[in-house]
Amino acid sequence: MKIEYSGHIENRLRLRRIDRDLPEKIFEQAQERYLDKLTGHLIAVMNVDLYNKQRDVMIAYITDEKRTTLLTIHPLKYGQKENRVLNGRWRKI
């Protein structure tokens, strides 16, 4: 399956000074996956070394039979993942 980066994620990578390979690594290796009920996007979360700290980083993506498009990336704040699961926004898949 082909993996593409949206213009938005390309911009986020530059602004946040995140390595360009990280979103694809998270997509391929993440053990935690969710459905964002607010946006309908799929979410992958993985703990990675970012800014010299271990942090949970999420990517949002959409997929079809031909391609996966990675939409955005951002480090999660402490408790953010748990709050989204508890309030029902993210449903584990």
C-alpha atoms as a PDB file:
ATOM      1  CA  MET A   1       0.000   0.000   0.000  1.00  0.00           C
ATOM      2  CA  LYS A   2       1.242   3.460  -0.886  1.00  0.00           C
ATOM      3  CA  ILE A   3       1.766   5.954   1.971  1.00  0.00           C
ATOM      4  CA  GLU A   4       1.337   9.655   1.228  1.00  0.00           C
ATOM      5  CA  TYR A   5       1.854  12.765   3.350  1.00  0.00           C
ATOM      6  CA  SER A   6      -0.729  15.536   3.257  1.00  0.00           C
ATOM      7  CA  GLY A   7       0.394  19.128   2.819  1.00  0.00           C
ATOM      8  CA  HIS A   8      -0.687  19.764   6.405  1.00  0.00           C
ATOM      9  CA  ILE A   9       1.550  17.068   7.892  1.00  0.00           C
ATOM     10  CA  GLU A  10       4.483  18.285   5.773  1.00  0.00           C
ATOM     11  CA  ASN A  11       3.981  21.751   7.263  1.00  0.00           C
ATOM     12  CA  ARG A  12       3.683  20.370  10.822  1.00  0.00           C
ATOM     13  CA  LEU A  13       6.930  18.415  10.387  1.00  0.00           C
ATOM     14  CA  ARG A  14       8.776  21.583   9.370  1.00  0.00           C
ATOM     15  CA  LEU A  15       7.227  23.779  12.076  1.00  0.00           C
ATOM     16  CA  ARG A  16       7.791  21.259  14.859  1.00  0.00           C
ATOM     17  CA  ARG A  17      11.210  20.165  13.547  1.00  0.00           C
ATOM     18  CA  ILE A  18      10.171  16.520  13.495  1.00  0.00           C
ATOM     19  CA  ASP A  19      12.103  13.992  11.409  1.00  0.00           C
ATOM     20  CA  ARG A  20      10.298  13.301   8.133  1.00  0.00           C
ATOM     21  CA  ASP A  21      10.459   9.529   8.650  1.00  0.00           C
ATOM     22  CA  LEU A  22       8.714   9.577  12.038  1.00  0.00           C
ATOM     23  CA  PRO A  23       5.066   9.628  10.843  1.00  0.00           C
ATOM     24  CA  GLU A  24       5.596   6.576   8.643  1.00  0.00           C
ATOM     25  CA  LYS A  25       7.429   4.788  11.466  1.00  0.00           C
ATOM     26  CA  ILE A  26       4.510   5.477  13.821  1.00  0.00           C
ATOM     27  CA  PHE A  27       2.002   4.305  11.201  1.00  0.00           C
ATOM     28  CA  GLU A  28       3.891   1.046  10.637  1.00  0.00           C
ATOM     29  CA  GLN A  29       4.909   0.231  14.217  1.00  0.00           C
ATOM     30  CA  ALA A  30       2.280   1.686  16.571  1.00  0.00           C
ATOM     31  CA  GLN A  31       0.546  -0.824  18.821  1.00  0.00           C
ATOM     32  CA  GLU A  32      -2.142   1.661  19.890  1.00  0.00           C
ATOM     33  CA  ARG A  33      -4.822   2.509  17.323  1.00  0.00           C
ATOM     34  CA  TYR A  34      -8.039   4.450  17.701  1.00  0.00           C
ATOM     35  CA  LEU A  35     -10.956   5.817  15.728  1.00  0.00           C
ATOM     36  CA  ASP A  36     -11.538   9.526  16.365  1.00  0.00           C
ATOM     37  CA  LYS A  37     -15.328   9.724  16.557  1.00  0.00           C
ATOM     38  CA  LEU A  38     -15.289  13.507  16.102  1.00  0.00           C
ATOM     39  CA  THR A  39     -13.323  13.570  12.827  1.00  0.00           C
ATOM     40  CA  GLY A  40     -13.742  10.001  11.577  1.00  0.00           C
ATOM     41  CA  HIS A  41      -9.962   9.748  11.169  1.00  0.00           C
ATOM     42  CA  LEU A  42      -7.869   6.829  12.303  1.00  0.00           C
ATOM     43  CA  ILE A  43      -5.250   7.519  14.979  1.00  0.00           C
ATOM     44  CA  ALA A  44      -1.967   5.758  15.735  1.00  0.00           C
ATOM     45  CA  VAL A  45      -0.069   6.540  18.935  1.00  0.00           C
ATOM     46  CA  MET A  46       3.467   5.506  19.805  1.00  0.00           C
ATOM     47  CA  ASN A  47       5.975   6.443  22.482  1.00  0.00           C
ATOM     48  CA  VAL A  48       9.084   7.843  20.769  1.00  0.00           C
ATOM     49  CA  ASP A  49      12.169   9.895  21.565  1.00  0.00           C
ATOM     50  CA  LEU A  50      11.215  13.456  20.592  1.00  0.00           C
ATOM     51  CA  TYR A  51      13.025  16.617  21.686  1.00  0.00           C
ATOM     52  CA  ASN A  52      15.303  14.456  23.877  1.00  0.00           C
ATOM     53  CA  LYS A  53      12.324  13.070  25.847  1.00  0.00           C
ATOM     54  CA  GLN A  54      10.158   9.980  25.635  1.00  0.00           C
ATOM     55  CA  ARG A  55       6.756  11.217  24.461  1.00  0.00           C
ATOM     56  CA  ASP A  56       3.543   9.790  23.097  1.00  0.00           C
ATOM     57  CA  VAL A  57       3.117  11.082  19.555  1.00  0.00           C
ATOM     58  CA  MET A  58      -0.044  10.669  17.495  1.00  0.00           C
ATOM     59  CA  ILE A  59      -0.675  10.657  13.802  1.00  0.00           C
ATOM     60  CA  ALA A  60      -4.091  10.967  12.191  1.00  0.00           C
ATOM     61  CA  TYR A  61      -4.634   9.196   8.885  1.00  0.00           C
ATOM     62  CA  ILE A  62      -7.166   7.988   6.365  1.00  0.00           C
ATOM     63  CA  THR A  63      -6.875   4.852   4.307  1.00  0.00           C
ATOM     64  CA  ASP A  64      -8.534   3.193   1.353  1.00  0.00           C
ATOM     65  CA  GLU A  65      -7.737   0.198  -0.842  1.00  0.00           C
ATOM     66  CA  LYS A  66      -5.030   2.075  -2.791  1.00  0.00           C
ATOM     67  CA  ARG A  67      -3.308   4.374  -0.303  1.00  0.00           C
ATOM     68  CA  THR A  68      -2.931   5.683   3.208  1.00  0.00           C
ATOM     69  CA  THR A  69      -2.681   9.440   3.668  1.00  0.00           C
ATOM     70  CA  LEU A  70      -1.027  10.672   6.855  1.00  0.00           C
ATOM     71  CA  LEU A  71      -2.851  13.867   7.816  1.00  0.00           C
ATOM     72  CA  THR A  72      -1.225  15.362  10.920  1.00  0.00           C
ATOM     73  CA  ILE A  73       1.209  14.641  13.720  1.00  0.00           C
ATOM     74  CA  HIS A  74       1.652  16.038  17.183  1.00  0.00           C
ATOM     75  CA  PRO A  75       3.093  15.124  20.559  1.00  0.00           C
ATOM     76  CA  LEU A  76       0.400  14.438  23.127  1.00  0.00           C
ATOM     77  CA  LYS A  77       0.313  16.343  26.389  1.00  0.00           C
ATOM     78  CA  TYR A  78       0.297  14.428  29.657  1.00  0.00           C
ATOM     79  CA  GLY A  79      -3.118  12.776  30.070  1.00  0.00           C
ATOM     80  CA  GLN A  80      -4.421  13.869  26.659  1.00  0.00           C
ATOM     81  CA  LYS A  81      -4.696  10.350  25.250  1.00  0.00           C
ATOM     82  CA  GLU A  82      -6.427   9.033  28.377  1.00  0.00           C
ATOM     83  CA  ASN A  83      -8.874  11.958  28.386  1.00  0.00           C
ATOM     84  CA  ARG A  84      -9.853  11.369  24.758  1.00  0.00           C
ATOM     85  CA  VAL A  85     -10.471   7.693  25.450  1.00  0.00           C
ATOM     86  CA  LEU A  86     -12.400   8.338  28.683  1.00  0.00           C
ATOM     87  CA  ASN A  87     -14.643  11.014  27.180  1.00  0.00           C
ATOM     88  CA  GLY A  88     -15.418   8.732  24.227  1.00  0.00           C
ATOM     89  CA  ARG A  89     -13.777  10.759  21.486  1.00  0.00           C
ATOM     90  CA  TRP A  90     -11.232   8.016  20.724  1.00  0.00           C
ATOM     91  CA  ARG A  91     -12.398   4.404  20.497  1.00  0.00           C
ATOM     92  CA  LYS A  92      -9.752   1.685  20.556  1.00  0.00           C
ATOM     93  CA  ILE A  93      -9.636  -0.443  17.411  1.00  0.00           C
END
